[in-house]
Amino acid sequence: MHTHASAPPASAIDGIFRALADPTRRDVVQRLTAKQASMSELAAPYRMALPSFLEHMKVLEGCGLVRSRKVGRVRTYQLETAQLKVAEDWLGRQRTLWEQRLDRLDSYLLSMKEETPE
């Protein structure tokens, strides 16, 4: 597979998309775009045991989408926007690639139409 010279390793992109494939984790990321929050604040809306929710946070932290700091007994999470940019850049490169392919197909089809006698 061709990789872009400045692109992050595929494993980093895989981890980000794997993390974002889960609706709970996407919701947490969306909530963290508004403000940082403690583990208990983040876990409150979900009907799951805290250890299960903690696993979601470990996945998000493991791929770098969030980072946490612990002060006393409170662990607070914040979004790492640079990692979201990695996903955005990857999607942008795919969109550009397909737009270029479709433009070439369009040009080819137009040239065939011009060459075909009616």
PDB file of N, CA and C in Angstrom:
ATOM      1  N   MET A   1       0.837  -1.181   0.000  1.00  0.00           N
ATOM      2  CA  MET A   1       0.000   0.000   0.000  1.00  0.00           C
ATOM      3  C   MET A   1       0.876   1.236   0.000  1.00  0.00           C
ATOM      4  N   HIS A   2       0.506   2.225  -0.815  1.00  0.00           N
ATOM      5  CA  HIS A   2       1.232   3.475  -0.886  1.00  0.00           C
ATOM      6  C   HIS A   2       0.904   4.318   0.341  1.00  0.00           C
ATOM      7  N   THR A   3       1.939   4.875   0.970  1.00  0.00           N
ATOM      8  CA  THR A   3       1.699   5.749   2.115  1.00  0.00           C
ATOM      9  C   THR A   3       2.273   7.117   1.815  1.00  0.00           C
ATOM     10  N   HIS A   4       1.623   8.116   2.303  1.00  0.00           N
ATOM     11  CA  HIS A   4       2.067   9.487   2.135  1.00  0.00           C
ATOM     12  C   HIS A   4       3.269   9.709   3.040  1.00  0.00           C
ATOM     13  N   ALA A   5       4.261  10.471   2.543  1.00  0.00           N
ATOM     14  CA  ALA A   5       5.498  10.659   3.286  1.00  0.00           C
ATOM     15  C   ALA A   5       5.268  11.285   4.659  1.00  0.00           C
ATOM     16  N   SER A   6       4.354  12.242   4.760  1.00  0.00           N
ATOM     17  CA  SER A   6       4.131  12.893   6.038  1.00  0.00           C
ATOM     18  C   SER A   6       2.982  12.271   6.819  1.00  0.00           C
ATOM     19  N   ALA A   7       2.408  11.211   6.294  1.00  0.00           N
ATOM     20  CA  ALA A   7       1.277  10.574   6.967  1.00  0.00           C
ATOM     21  C   ALA A   7       1.746   9.834   8.213  1.00  0.00           C
ATOM     22  N   PRO A   8       0.926   9.824   9.246  1.00  0.00           N
ATOM     23  CA  PRO A   8       1.275   9.051  10.435  1.00  0.00           C
ATOM     24  C   PRO A   8       1.216   7.559  10.111  1.00  0.00           C
ATOM     25  N   PRO A   9       1.829   6.739  10.951  1.00  0.00           N
ATOM     26  CA  PRO A   9       1.804   5.301  10.689  1.00  0.00           C
ATOM     27  C   PRO A   9       0.374   4.775  10.628  1.00  0.00           C
ATOM     28  N   ALA A  10       0.189   3.760   9.798  1.00  0.00           N
ATOM     29  CA  ALA A  10      -1.150   3.174   9.648  1.00  0.00           C
ATOM     30  C   ALA A  10      -1.704   2.698  10.980  1.00  0.00           C
ATOM     31  N   SER A  11      -0.835   2.207  11.852  1.00  0.00           N
ATOM     32  CA  SER A  11      -1.319   1.711  13.140  1.00  0.00           C
ATOM     33  C   SER A  11      -1.936   2.836  13.969  1.00  0.00           C
ATOM     34  N   ALA A  12      -1.405   4.055  13.843  1.00  0.00           N
ATOM     35  CA  ALA A  12      -1.980   5.180  14.581  1.00  0.00           C
ATOM     36  C   ALA A  12      -3.371   5.510  14.054  1.00  0.00           C
ATOM     37  N   ILE A  13      -3.500   5.513  12.728  1.00  0.00           N
ATOM     38  CA  ILE A  13      -4.801   5.799  12.118  1.00  0.00           C
ATOM     39  C   ILE A  13      -5.785   4.675  12.449  1.00  0.00           C
ATOM     40  N   ASP A  14      -5.316   3.430  12.392  1.00  0.00           N
ATOM     41  CA  ASP A  14      -6.181   2.297  12.745  1.00  0.00           C
ATOM     42  C   ASP A  14      -6.725   2.447  14.158  1.00  0.00           C
ATOM     43  N   GLY A  15      -5.851   2.814  15.091  1.00  0.00           N
ATOM     44  CA  GLY A  15      -6.275   2.958  16.486  1.00  0.00           C
ATOM     45  C   GLY A  15      -7.318   4.047  16.664  1.00  0.00           C
ATOM     46  N   ILE A  16      -7.141   5.142  15.960  1.00  0.00           N
ATOM     47  CA  ILE A  16      -8.100   6.252  16.065  1.00  0.00           C
ATOM     48  C   ILE A  16      -9.456   5.822  15.520  1.00  0.00           C
ATOM     49  N   PHE A  17      -9.471   5.210  14.338  1.00  0.00           N
ATOM     50  CA  PHE A  17     -10.760   4.806  13.768  1.00  0.00           C
ATOM     51  C   PHE A  17     -11.379   3.658  14.552  1.00  0.00           C
ATOM     52  N   ARG A  18     -10.563   2.767  15.095  1.00  0.00           N
ATOM     53  CA  ARG A  18     -11.100   1.688  15.933  1.00  0.00           C
ATOM     54  C   ARG A  18     -11.776   2.297  17.165  1.00  0.00           C
ATOM     55  N   ALA A  19     -11.136   3.282  17.756  1.00  0.00           N
ATOM     56  CA  ALA A  19     -11.712   3.936  18.930  1.00  0.00           C
ATOM     57  C   ALA A  19     -13.009   4.654  18.577  1.00  0.00           C
ATOM     58  N   LEU A  20     -13.030   5.307  17.438  1.00  0.00           N
ATOM     59  CA  LEU A  20     -14.213   6.076  17.046  1.00  0.00           C
ATOM     60  C   LEU A  20     -15.324   5.190  16.480  1.00  0.00           C
ATOM     61  N   ALA A  21     -15.052   3.913  16.274  1.00  0.00           N
ATOM     62  CA  ALA A  21     -16.081   3.007  15.763  1.00  0.00           C
ATOM     63  C   ALA A  21     -17.151   2.713  16.801  1.00  0.00           C
ATOM     64  N   ASP A  22     -16.865   2.969  18.053  1.00  0.00           N
ATOM     65  CA  ASP A  22     -17.822   2.687  19.122  1.00  0.00           C
ATOM     66  C   ASP A  22     -18.655   3.937  19.432  1.00  0.00           C
ATOM     67  N   PRO A  23     -19.996   3.815  19.472  1.00  0.00           N
ATOM     68  CA  PRO A  23     -20.837   4.992  19.705  1.00  0.00           C
ATOM     69  C   PRO A  23     -20.618   5.653  21.066  1.00  0.00           C
ATOM     70  N   THR A  24     -20.311   4.879  22.092  1.00  0.00           N
ATOM     71  CA  THR A  24     -20.046   5.474  23.406  1.00  0.00           C
ATOM     72  C   THR A  24     -18.795   6.337  23.342  1.00  0.00           C
ATOM     73  N   ARG A  25     -17.764   5.821  22.720  1.00  0.00           N
ATOM     74  CA  ARG A  25     -16.510   6.588  22.637  1.00  0.00           C
ATOM     75  C   ARG A  25     -16.671   7.828  21.760  1.00  0.00           C
ATOM     76  N   ARG A  26     -17.440   7.695  20.681  1.00  0.00           N
ATOM     77  CA  ARG A  26     -17.690   8.899  19.852  1.00  0.00           C
ATOM     78  C   ARG A  26     -18.443   9.946  20.662  1.00  0.00           C
ATOM     79  N   ASP A  27     -19.400   9.496  21.454  1.00  0.00           N
ATOM     80  CA  ASP A  27     -20.158  10.431  22.274  1.00  0.00           C
ATOM     81  C   ASP A  27     -19.249  11.117  23.293  1.00  0.00           C
ATOM     82  N   VAL A  28     -18.355  10.356  23.901  1.00  0.00           N
ATOM     83  CA  VAL A  28     -17.418  10.947  24.867  1.00  0.00           C
ATOM     84  C   VAL A  28     -16.543  11.990  24.173  1.00  0.00           C
ATOM     85  N   VAL A  29     -16.038  11.664  22.996  1.00  0.00           N
ATOM     86  CA  VAL A  29     -15.210  12.628  22.254  1.00  0.00           C
ATOM     87  C   VAL A  29     -16.010  13.890  21.976  1.00  0.00           C
ATOM     88  N   GLN A  30     -17.249  13.705  21.539  1.00  0.00           N
ATOM     89  CA  GLN A  30     -18.093  14.869  21.243  1.00  0.00           C
ATOM     90  C   GLN A  30     -18.304  15.716  22.500  1.00  0.00           C
ATOM     91  N   ARG A  31     -18.552  15.066  23.625  1.00  0.00           N
ATOM     92  CA  ARG A  31     -18.762  15.813  24.869  1.00  0.00           C
ATOM     93  C   ARG A  31     -17.494  16.537  25.292  1.00  0.00           C
ATOM     94  N   LEU A  32     -16.342  15.928  25.048  1.00  0.00           N
ATOM     95  CA  LEU A  32     -15.083  16.566  25.441  1.00  0.00           C
ATOM     96  C   LEU A  32     -14.707  17.730  24.522  1.00  0.00           C
ATOM     97  N   THR A  33     -15.375  17.862  23.377  1.00  0.00           N
ATOM     98  CA  THR A  33     -15.109  19.034  22.542  1.00  0.00           C
ATOM     99  C   THR A  33     -15.616  20.302  23.230  1.00  0.00           C
ATOM    100  N   ALA A  34     -16.598  20.151  24.101  1.00  0.00           N
ATOM    101  CA  ALA A  34     -17.151  21.313  24.810  1.00  0.00           C
ATOM    102  C   ALA A  34     -16.273  21.722  25.985  1.00  0.00           C
ATOM    103  N   LYS A  35     -15.834  20.743  26.764  1.00  0.00           N
ATOM    104  CA  LYS A  35     -14.995  21.061  27.932  1.00  0.00           C
ATOM    105  C   LYS A  35     -14.416  19.772  28.505  1.00  0.00           C
ATOM    106  N   GLN A  36     -13.334  19.923  29.239  1.00  0.00           N
ATOM    107  CA  GLN A  36     -12.771  18.759  29.917  1.00  0.00           C
ATOM    108  C   GLN A  36     -13.737  18.310  31.008  1.00  0.00           C
ATOM    109  N   ALA A  37     -13.645  17.049  31.391  1.00  0.00           N
ATOM    110  CA  ALA A  37     -14.587  16.514  32.372  1.00  0.00           C
ATOM    111  C   ALA A  37     -13.939  15.395  33.167  1.00  0.00           C
ATOM    112  N   SER A  38     -14.461  15.198  34.358  1.00  0.00           N
ATOM    113  CA  SER A  38     -13.949  14.127  35.210  1.00  0.00           C
ATOM    114  C   SER A  38     -14.521  12.792  34.742  1.00  0.00           C
ATOM    115  N   MET A  39     -13.893  11.724  35.201  1.00  0.00           N
ATOM    116  CA  MET A  39     -14.365  10.378  34.866  1.00  0.00           C
ATOM    117  C   MET A  39     -15.820  10.204  35.291  1.00  0.00           C
ATOM    118  N   SER A  40     -16.167  10.642  36.483  1.00  0.00           N
ATOM    119  CA  SER A  40     -17.545  10.445  36.961  1.00  0.00           C
ATOM    120  C   SER A  40     -18.531  11.275  36.142  1.00  0.00           C
ATOM    121  N   GLU A  41     -18.152  12.475  35.738  1.00  0.00           N
ATOM    122  CA  GLU A  41     -19.035  13.287  34.885  1.00  0.00           C
ATOM    123  C   GLU A  41     -19.244  12.605  33.529  1.00  0.00           C
ATOM    124  N   LEU A  42     -18.152  12.074  32.986  1.00  0.00           N
ATOM    125  CA  LEU A  42     -18.258  11.433  31.679  1.00  0.00           C
ATOM    126  C   LEU A  42     -19.068  10.141  31.750  1.00  0.00           C
ATOM    127  N   ALA A  43     -18.924   9.397  32.834  1.00  0.00           N
ATOM    128  CA  ALA A  43     -19.590   8.097  32.947  1.00  0.00           C
ATOM    129  C   ALA A  43     -21.067   8.213  33.311  1.00  0.00           C
ATOM    130  N   ALA A  44     -21.471   9.326  33.915  1.00  0.00           N
ATOM    131  CA  ALA A  44     -22.823   9.460  34.469  1.00  0.00           C
ATOM    132  C   ALA A  44     -23.958   9.131  33.491  1.00  0.00           C
ATOM    133  N   PRO A  45     -23.921   9.573  32.225  1.00  0.00           N
ATOM    134  CA  PRO A  45     -25.074   9.321  31.350  1.00  0.00           C
ATOM    135  C   PRO A  45     -25.222   7.873  30.873  1.00  0.00           C
ATOM    136  N   TYR A  46     -24.245   7.036  31.101  1.00  0.00           N
ATOM    137  CA  TYR A  46     -24.261   5.695  30.517  1.00  0.00           C
ATOM    138  C   TYR A  46     -24.692   4.655  31.543  1.00  0.00           C
ATOM    139  N   ARG A  47     -25.435   3.700  31.067  1.00  0.00           N
ATOM    140  CA  ARG A  47     -25.876   2.602  31.917  1.00  0.00           C
ATOM    141  C   ARG A  47     -24.879   1.464  31.787  1.00  0.00           C
ATOM    142  N   MET A  48     -23.749   1.654  32.389  1.00  0.00           N
ATOM    143  CA  MET A  48     -22.738   0.593  32.396  1.00  0.00           C
ATOM    144  C   MET A  48     -21.906   0.729  33.663  1.00  0.00           C
ATOM    145  N   ALA A  49     -21.308  -0.373  34.044  1.00  0.00           N
ATOM    146  CA  ALA A  49     -20.466  -0.367  35.245  1.00  0.00           C
ATOM    147  C   ALA A  49     -19.244   0.515  34.994  1.00  0.00           C
ATOM    148  N   LEU A  50     -18.751   1.134  36.029  1.00  0.00           N
ATOM    149  CA  LEU A  50     -17.609   2.034  35.908  1.00  0.00           C
ATOM    150  C   LEU A  50     -16.386   1.345  35.288  1.00  0.00           C
ATOM    151  N   PRO A  51     -16.096   0.078  35.664  1.00  0.00           N
ATOM    152  CA  PRO A  51     -14.948  -0.585  35.011  1.00  0.00           C
ATOM    153  C   PRO A  51     -15.124  -0.724  33.494  1.00  0.00           C
ATOM    154  N   SER A  52     -16.362  -0.944  33.054  1.00  0.00           N
ATOM    155  CA  SER A  52     -16.606  -1.025  31.607  1.00  0.00           C
ATOM    156  C   SER A  52     -16.381   0.333  30.959  1.00  0.00           C
ATOM    157  N   PHE A  53     -16.853   1.384  31.614  1.00  0.00           N
ATOM    158  CA  PHE A  53     -16.640   2.722  31.067  1.00  0.00           C
ATOM    159  C   PHE A  53     -15.155   3.066  31.057  1.00  0.00           C
ATOM    160  N   LEU A  54     -14.460   2.652  32.093  1.00  0.00           N
ATOM    161  CA  LEU A  54     -13.019   2.894  32.166  1.00  0.00           C
ATOM    162  C   LEU A  54     -12.296   2.255  30.980  1.00  0.00           C
ATOM    163  N   GLU A  55     -12.765   1.100  30.535  1.00  0.00           N
ATOM    164  CA  GLU A  55     -12.154   0.455  29.366  1.00  0.00           C
ATOM    165  C   GLU A  55     -12.308   1.333  28.118  1.00  0.00           C
ATOM    166  N   HIS A  56     -13.470   1.967  27.976  1.00  0.00           N
ATOM    167  CA  HIS A  56     -13.653   2.886  26.851  1.00  0.00           C
ATOM    168  C   HIS A  56     -12.634   4.028  26.937  1.00  0.00           C
ATOM    169  N   MET A  57     -12.453   4.549  28.140  1.00  0.00           N
ATOM    170  CA  MET A  57     -11.520   5.669  28.295  1.00  0.00           C
ATOM    171  C   MET A  57     -10.085   5.219  28.027  1.00  0.00           C
ATOM    172  N   LYS A  58      -9.760   3.989  28.397  1.00  0.00           N
ATOM    173  CA  LYS A  58      -8.414   3.467  28.113  1.00  0.00           C
ATOM    174  C   LYS A  58      -8.172   3.375  26.608  1.00  0.00           C
ATOM    175  N   VAL A  59      -9.205   2.961  25.873  1.00  0.00           N
ATOM    176  CA  VAL A  59      -9.067   2.885  24.409  1.00  0.00           C
ATOM    177  C   VAL A  59      -8.834   4.280  23.836  1.00  0.00           C
ATOM    178  N   LEU A  60      -9.627   5.248  24.296  1.00  0.00           N
ATOM    179  CA  LEU A  60      -9.478   6.626  23.797  1.00  0.00           C
ATOM    180  C   LEU A  60      -8.111   7.195  24.159  1.00  0.00           C
ATOM    181  N   GLU A  61      -7.666   6.924  25.356  1.00  0.00           N
ATOM    182  CA  GLU A  61      -6.367   7.434  25.794  1.00  0.00           C
ATOM    183  C   GLU A  61      -5.234   6.684  25.092  1.00  0.00           C
ATOM    184  N   GLY A  62      -5.436   5.403  24.854  1.00  0.00           N
ATOM    185  CA  GLY A  62      -4.410   4.585  24.206  1.00  0.00           C
ATOM    186  C   GLY A  62      -4.083   5.038  22.794  1.00  0.00           C
ATOM    187  N   CYS A  63      -5.086   5.529  22.080  1.00  0.00           N
ATOM    188  CA  CYS A  63      -4.822   5.987  20.710  1.00  0.00           C
ATOM    189  C   CYS A  63      -4.539   7.483  20.680  1.00  0.00           C
ATOM    190  N   GLY A  64      -4.542   8.113  21.829  1.00  0.00           N
ATOM    191  CA  GLY A  64      -4.155   9.518  21.904  1.00  0.00           C
ATOM    192  C   GLY A  64      -5.267  10.519  21.675  1.00  0.00           C
ATOM    193  N   LEU A  65      -6.500  10.044  21.583  1.00  0.00           N
ATOM    194  CA  LEU A  65      -7.601  10.996  21.355  1.00  0.00           C
ATOM    195  C   LEU A  65      -7.912  11.823  22.598  1.00  0.00           C
ATOM    196  N   VAL A  66      -7.639  11.271  23.769  1.00  0.00           N
ATOM    197  CA  VAL A  66      -7.833  12.017  25.009  1.00  0.00           C
ATOM    198  C   VAL A  66      -6.594  11.825  25.872  1.00  0.00           C
ATOM    199  N   ARG A  67      -6.433  12.721  26.806  1.00  0.00           N
ATOM    200  CA  ARG A  67      -5.395  12.532  27.817  1.00  0.00           C
ATOM    201  C   ARG A  67      -6.029  12.856  29.163  1.00  0.00           C
ATOM    202  N   SER A  68      -5.440  12.310  30.195  1.00  0.00           N
ATOM    203  CA  SER A  68      -6.013  12.513  31.518  1.00  0.00           C
ATOM    204  C   SER A  68      -4.936  12.944  32.498  1.00  0.00           C
ATOM    205  N   ARG A  69      -5.402  13.559  33.540  1.00  0.00           N
ATOM    206  CA  ARG A  69      -4.512  13.884  34.653  1.00  0.00           C
ATOM    207  C   ARG A  69      -5.309  13.613  35.920  1.00  0.00           C
ATOM    208  N   LYS A  70      -4.583  13.209  36.930  1.00  0.00           N
ATOM    209  CA  LYS A  70      -5.238  12.863  38.180  1.00  0.00           C
ATOM    210  C   LYS A  70      -4.791  13.836  39.244  1.00  0.00           C
ATOM    211  N   VAL A  71      -5.758  14.445  39.885  1.00  0.00           N
ATOM    212  CA  VAL A  71      -5.499  15.340  41.011  1.00  0.00           C
ATOM    213  C   VAL A  71      -6.266  14.774  42.195  1.00  0.00           C
ATOM    214  N   GLY A  72      -5.532  14.320  43.179  1.00  0.00           N
ATOM    215  CA  GLY A  72      -6.193  13.663  44.310  1.00  0.00           C
ATOM    216  C   GLY A  72      -6.865  12.391  43.838  1.00  0.00           C
ATOM    217  N   ARG A  73      -8.150  12.305  44.045  1.00  0.00           N
ATOM    218  CA  ARG A  73      -8.882  11.110  43.619  1.00  0.00           C
ATOM    219  C   ARG A  73      -9.657  11.328  42.320  1.00  0.00           C
ATOM    220  N   VAL A  74      -9.524  12.513  41.751  1.00  0.00           N
ATOM    221  CA  VAL A  74     -10.305  12.853  40.549  1.00  0.00           C
ATOM    222  C   VAL A  74      -9.423  12.788  39.303  1.00  0.00           C
ATOM    223  N   ARG A  75      -9.854  11.965  38.358  1.00  0.00           N
ATOM    224  CA  ARG A  75      -9.167  11.899  37.061  1.00  0.00           C
ATOM    225  C   ARG A  75      -9.990  12.712  36.062  1.00  0.00           C
ATOM    226  N   THR A  76      -9.317  13.668  35.428  1.00  0.00           N
ATOM    227  CA  THR A  76      -9.980  14.560  34.480  1.00  0.00           C
ATOM    228  C   THR A  76      -9.439  14.293  33.077  1.00  0.00           C
ATOM    229  N   TYR A  77     -10.373  14.275  32.109  1.00  0.00           N
ATOM    230  CA  TYR A  77     -10.012  13.988  30.713  1.00  0.00           C
ATOM    231  C   TYR A  77     -10.196  15.229  29.857  1.00  0.00           C
ATOM    232  N   GLN A  78      -9.317  15.347  28.886  1.00  0.00           N
ATOM    233  CA  GLN A  78      -9.488  16.395  27.879  1.00  0.00           C
ATOM    234  C   GLN A  78      -9.150  15.824  26.516  1.00  0.00           C
ATOM    235  N   LEU A  79      -9.734  16.443  25.511  1.00  0.00           N
ATOM    236  CA  LEU A  79      -9.557  15.997  24.137  1.00  0.00           C
ATOM    237  C   LEU A  79      -8.188  16.404  23.618  1.00  0.00           C
ATOM    238  N   GLU A  80      -7.579  15.536  22.839  1.00  0.00           N
ATOM    239  CA  GLU A  80      -6.327  15.847  22.144  1.00  0.00           C
ATOM    240  C   GLU A  80      -6.682  16.129  20.684  1.00  0.00           C
ATOM    241  N   THR A  81      -6.865  17.385  20.372  1.00  0.00           N
ATOM    242  CA  THR A  81      -7.350  17.742  19.037  1.00  0.00           C
ATOM    243  C   THR A  81      -6.364  17.373  17.926  1.00  0.00           C
ATOM    244  N   ALA A  82      -5.098  17.275  18.259  1.00  0.00           N
ATOM    245  CA  ALA A  82      -4.114  16.897  17.234  1.00  0.00           C
ATOM    246  C   ALA A  82      -4.421  15.514  16.670  1.00  0.00           C
ATOM    247  N   GLN A  83      -4.909  14.609  17.506  1.00  0.00           N
ATOM    248  CA  GLN A  83      -5.231  13.265  17.014  1.00  0.00           C
ATOM    249  C   GLN A  83      -6.495  13.286  16.161  1.00  0.00           C
ATOM    250  N   LEU A  84      -7.437  14.147  16.493  1.00  0.00           N
ATOM    251  CA  LEU A  84      -8.608  14.285  15.622  1.00  0.00           C
ATOM    252  C   LEU A  84      -8.175  14.796  14.250  1.00  0.00           C
ATOM    253  N   LYS A  85      -7.179  15.656  14.240  1.00  0.00           N
ATOM    254  CA  LYS A  85      -6.659  16.195  12.980  1.00  0.00           C
ATOM    255  C   LYS A  85      -6.034  15.080  12.148  1.00  0.00           C
ATOM    256  N   VAL A  86      -5.425  14.109  12.790  1.00  0.00           N
ATOM    257  CA  VAL A  86      -4.855  12.967  12.058  1.00  0.00           C
ATOM    258  C   VAL A  86      -5.957  12.261  11.272  1.00  0.00           C
ATOM    259  N   ALA A  87      -7.101  12.010  11.939  1.00  0.00           N
ATOM    260  CA  ALA A  87      -8.226  11.357  11.258  1.00  0.00           C
ATOM    261  C   ALA A  87      -8.785  12.257  10.161  1.00  0.00           C
ATOM    262  N   GLU A  88      -8.929  13.523  10.455  1.00  0.00           N
ATOM    263  CA  GLU A  88      -9.448  14.479   9.469  1.00  0.00           C
ATOM    264  C   GLU A  88      -8.537  14.543   8.244  1.00  0.00           C
ATOM    265  N   ASP A  89      -7.227  14.581   8.474  1.00  0.00           N
ATOM    266  CA  ASP A  89      -6.277  14.630   7.358  1.00  0.00           C
ATOM    267  C   ASP A  89      -6.356  13.371   6.504  1.00  0.00           C
ATOM    268  N   TRP A  90      -6.488  12.216   7.149  1.00  0.00           N
ATOM    269  CA  TRP A  90      -6.585  10.958   6.407  1.00  0.00           C
ATOM    270  C   TRP A  90      -7.833  10.969   5.523  1.00  0.00           C
ATOM    271  N   LEU A  91      -8.955  11.374   6.121  1.00  0.00           N
ATOM    272  CA  LEU A  91     -10.195  11.436   5.347  1.00  0.00           C
ATOM    273  C   LEU A  91     -10.073  12.447   4.208  1.00  0.00           C
ATOM    274  N   GLY A  92      -9.419  13.568   4.459  1.00  0.00           N
ATOM    275  CA  GLY A  92      -9.232  14.575   3.426  1.00  0.00           C
ATOM    276  C   GLY A  92      -8.401  14.037   2.260  1.00  0.00           C
ATOM    277  N   ARG A  93      -7.348  13.275   2.598  1.00  0.00           N
ATOM    278  CA  ARG A  93      -6.524  12.690   1.521  1.00  0.00           C
ATOM    279  C   ARG A  93      -7.343  11.702   0.686  1.00  0.00           C
ATOM    280  N   GLN A  94      -8.200  10.922   1.348  1.00  0.00           N
ATOM    281  CA  GLN A  94      -9.039   9.965   0.608  1.00  0.00           C
ATOM    282  C   GLN A  94     -10.024  10.709  -0.281  1.00  0.00           C
ATOM    283  N   ARG A  95     -10.616  11.780   0.232  1.00  0.00           N
ATOM    284  CA  ARG A  95     -11.561  12.566  -0.557  1.00  0.00           C
ATOM    285  C   ARG A  95     -10.865  13.161  -1.781  1.00  0.00           C
ATOM    286  N   THR A  96      -9.671  13.710  -1.600  1.00  0.00           N
ATOM    287  CA  THR A  96      -8.920  14.289  -2.714  1.00  0.00           C
ATOM    288  C   THR A  96      -8.601  13.236  -3.763  1.00  0.00           C
ATOM    289  N   LEU A  97      -8.161  12.077  -3.312  1.00  0.00           N
ATOM    290  CA  LEU A  97      -7.839  10.981  -4.221  1.00  0.00           C
ATOM    291  C   LEU A  97      -9.046  10.607  -5.077  1.00  0.00           C
ATOM    292  N   TRP A  98     -10.208  10.448  -4.439  1.00  0.00           N
ATOM    293  CA  TRP A  98     -11.402  10.049  -5.188  1.00  0.00           C
ATOM    294  C   TRP A  98     -11.924  11.159  -6.073  1.00  0.00           C
ATOM    295  N   GLU A  99     -11.782  12.406  -5.642  1.00  0.00           N
ATOM    296  CA  GLU A  99     -12.182  13.515  -6.512  1.00  0.00           C
ATOM    297  C   GLU A  99     -11.314  13.552  -7.761  1.00  0.00           C
ATOM    298  N   GLN A 100     -10.014  13.313  -7.607  1.00  0.00           N
ATOM    299  CA  GLN A 100      -9.117  13.280  -8.764  1.00  0.00           C
ATOM    300  C   GLN A 100      -9.488  12.137  -9.704  1.00  0.00           C
ATOM    301  N   ARG A 101      -9.789  10.981  -9.132  1.00  0.00           N
ATOM    302  CA  ARG A 101     -10.182   9.829  -9.962  1.00  0.00           C
ATOM    303  C   ARG A 101     -11.478  10.119 -10.724  1.00  0.00           C
ATOM    304  N   LEU A 102     -12.441  10.697 -10.048  1.00  0.00           N
ATOM    305  CA  LEU A 102     -13.712  11.008 -10.697  1.00  0.00           C
ATOM    306  C   LEU A 102     -13.538  12.080 -11.766  1.00  0.00           C
ATOM    307  N   ASP A 103     -12.651  13.047 -11.520  1.00  0.00           N
ATOM    308  CA  ASP A 103     -12.373  14.076 -12.534  1.00  0.00           C
ATOM    309  C   ASP A 103     -11.761  13.431 -13.780  1.00  0.00           C
ATOM    310  N   ARG A 104     -10.815  12.495 -13.569  1.00  0.00           N
ATOM    311  CA  ARG A 104     -10.199  11.803 -14.717  1.00  0.00           C
ATOM    312  C   ARG A 104     -11.238  10.966 -15.474  1.00  0.00           C
ATOM    313  N   LEU A 105     -12.119  10.300 -14.733  1.00  0.00           N
ATOM    314  CA  LEU A 105     -13.180   9.512 -15.374  1.00  0.00           C
ATOM    315  C   LEU A 105     -14.107  10.433 -16.166  1.00  0.00           C
ATOM    316  N   ASP A 106     -14.451  11.560 -15.584  1.00  0.00           N
ATOM    317  CA  ASP A 106     -15.321  12.522 -16.260  1.00  0.00           C
ATOM    318  C   ASP A 106     -14.674  13.000 -17.557  1.00  0.00           C
ATOM    319  N   SER A 107     -13.384  13.354 -17.495  1.00  0.00           N
ATOM    320  CA  SER A 107     -12.667  13.803 -18.692  1.00  0.00           C
ATOM    321  C   SER A 107     -12.628  12.707 -19.757  1.00  0.00           C
ATOM    322  N   TYR A 108     -12.381  11.491 -19.321  1.00  0.00           N
ATOM    323  CA  TYR A 108     -12.326  10.355 -20.253  1.00  0.00           C
ATOM    324  C   TYR A 108     -13.681  10.140 -20.922  1.00  0.00           C
ATOM    325  N   LEU A 109     -14.742  10.168 -20.141  1.00  0.00           N
ATOM    326  CA  LEU A 109     -16.072   9.953 -20.704  1.00  0.00           C
ATOM    327  C   LEU A 109     -16.451  11.079 -21.663  1.00  0.00           C
ATOM    328  N   LEU A 110     -16.074  12.314 -21.315  1.00  0.00           N
ATOM    329  CA  LEU A 110     -16.356  13.437 -22.210  1.00  0.00           C
ATOM    330  C   LEU A 110     -15.584  13.293 -23.523  1.00  0.00           C
ATOM    331  N   SER A 111     -14.331  12.849 -23.447  1.00  0.00           N
ATOM    332  CA  SER A 111     -13.537  12.669 -24.662  1.00  0.00           C
ATOM    333  C   SER A 111     -14.116  11.543 -25.520  1.00  0.00           C
ATOM    334  N   MET A 112     -14.627  10.503 -24.902  1.00  0.00           N
ATOM    335  CA  MET A 112     -15.256   9.406 -25.657  1.00  0.00           C
ATOM    336  C   MET A 112     -16.519   9.905 -26.348  1.00  0.00           C
ATOM    337  N   LYS A 113     -17.272  10.732 -25.649  1.00  0.00           N
ATOM    338  CA  LYS A 113     -18.506  11.268 -26.218  1.00  0.00           C
ATOM    339  C   LYS A 113     -18.202  12.147 -27.434  1.00  0.00           C
ATOM    340  N   GLU A 114     -17.123  12.951 -27.346  1.00  0.00           N
ATOM    341  CA  GLU A 114     -16.736  13.822 -28.456  1.00  0.00           C
ATOM    342  C   GLU A 114     -16.234  13.025 -29.651  1.00  0.00           C
ATOM    343  N   GLU A 115     -15.597  11.882 -29.406  1.00  0.00           N
ATOM    344  CA  GLU A 115     -15.038  11.069 -30.477  1.00  0.00           C
ATOM    345  C   GLU A 115     -16.077  10.170 -31.139  1.00  0.00           C
ATOM    346  N   THR A 116     -17.180   9.920 -30.454  1.00  0.00           N
ATOM    347  CA  THR A 116     -18.195   9.008 -30.971  1.00  0.00           C
ATOM    348  C   THR A 116     -19.119   9.736 -31.937  1.00  0.00           C
ATOM    349  N   PRO A 117     -19.162   9.270 -33.193  1.00  0.00           N
ATOM    350  CA  PRO A 117     -20.083   9.895 -34.152  1.00  0.00           C
ATOM    351  C   PRO A 117     -21.534   9.579 -33.771  1.00  0.00           C
ATOM    352  N   GLU A 118     -22.386  10.549 -34.008  1.00  0.00           N
ATOM    353  CA  GLU A 118     -23.796  10.342 -33.646  1.00  0.00           C
ATOM    354  C   GLU A 118     -24.603   9.801 -34.789  1.00  0.00           C
TER     355      GLU A 118
END
